[in-house]
Amino acid sequence: MRFAPEHVSTVLADNITDAQTVLLAPSRAIQHGNRLFHIESHIMTAERRLTERAAA
């Protein structure tokens, strides 16, 4: 389905910006907490965490 350029530049752009604000930061915080949990539980090593963080 194709959208009119005006629709994309106004409505969809705003929706994407809102979604990033509402969803992206909390998702990253959950991911960070999950990785810390894995490190503290010895499921993941701190070295592996640093390797994954550098790759991101």
Protein backbone atom coordinates (compact mmCIF):
# COMPACT_ATOMS: atom_id res chain seq x y z
CA MET A 1 0.00 0.00 0.00
CA ARG A 2 1.44 3.35 -0.99
CA PHE A 3 0.80 6.51 0.96
CA ALA A 4 0.64 10.05 -0.34
CA PRO A 5 3.91 11.94 0.31
CA GLU A 6 2.04 14.52 2.38
CA HIS A 7 0.64 11.78 4.60
CA VAL A 8 4.09 10.26 5.11
CA SER A 9 5.75 13.56 5.95
CA THR A 10 3.08 14.62 8.45
CA VAL A 11 1.13 11.78 10.03
CA LEU A 12 3.52 8.85 9.73
CA ALA A 13 6.62 10.85 10.66
CA ASP A 14 4.90 12.03 13.84
CA ASN A 15 3.78 8.49 14.66
CA ILE A 16 7.30 7.14 14.25
CA THR A 17 8.74 9.89 16.44
CA ASP A 18 6.13 9.19 19.12
CA ALA A 19 6.76 5.45 18.95
CA GLN A 20 10.49 5.93 19.36
CA THR A 21 9.95 8.14 22.39
CA VAL A 22 7.43 5.84 24.03
CA LEU A 23 8.91 2.45 23.15
CA LEU A 24 12.61 2.69 22.37
CA ALA A 25 14.00 4.10 25.62
CA PRO A 26 12.04 1.70 27.88
CA SER A 27 13.00 -1.21 25.65
CA ARG A 28 16.68 -0.32 25.92
CA ALA A 29 16.39 0.03 29.69
CA ILE A 30 14.82 -3.43 29.94
CA GLN A 31 17.53 -4.90 27.73
CA HIS A 32 20.24 -3.29 29.86
CA GLY A 33 18.68 -4.61 33.07
CA ASN A 34 18.34 -8.06 31.56
CA ARG A 35 22.01 -8.14 30.63
CA LEU A 36 23.03 -7.00 34.11
CA PHE A 37 20.89 -9.79 35.55
CA HIS A 38 22.65 -12.30 33.31
CA ILE A 39 26.05 -11.05 34.41
CA GLU A 40 25.15 -11.12 38.11
CA SER A 41 23.69 -14.62 37.69
CA HIS A 42 26.86 -15.76 35.90
CA ILE A 43 24.88 -16.61 32.77
CA MET A 44 26.90 -14.09 30.77
CA THR A 45 30.44 -12.93 31.47
CA ALA A 46 31.26 -9.25 31.83
CA GLU A 47 33.72 -9.60 28.95
CA ARG A 48 30.98 -10.88 26.66
CA ARG A 49 28.76 -7.98 27.74
CA LEU A 50 31.48 -5.49 26.81
CA THR A 51 31.97 -7.25 23.46
CA GLU A 52 28.25 -7.07 22.68
CA ARG A 53 28.06 -3.46 23.82
CA ALA A 54 30.95 -2.48 21.55
CA ALA A 55 29.31 -4.24 18.61
CA ALA A 56 25.99 -2.40 19.10
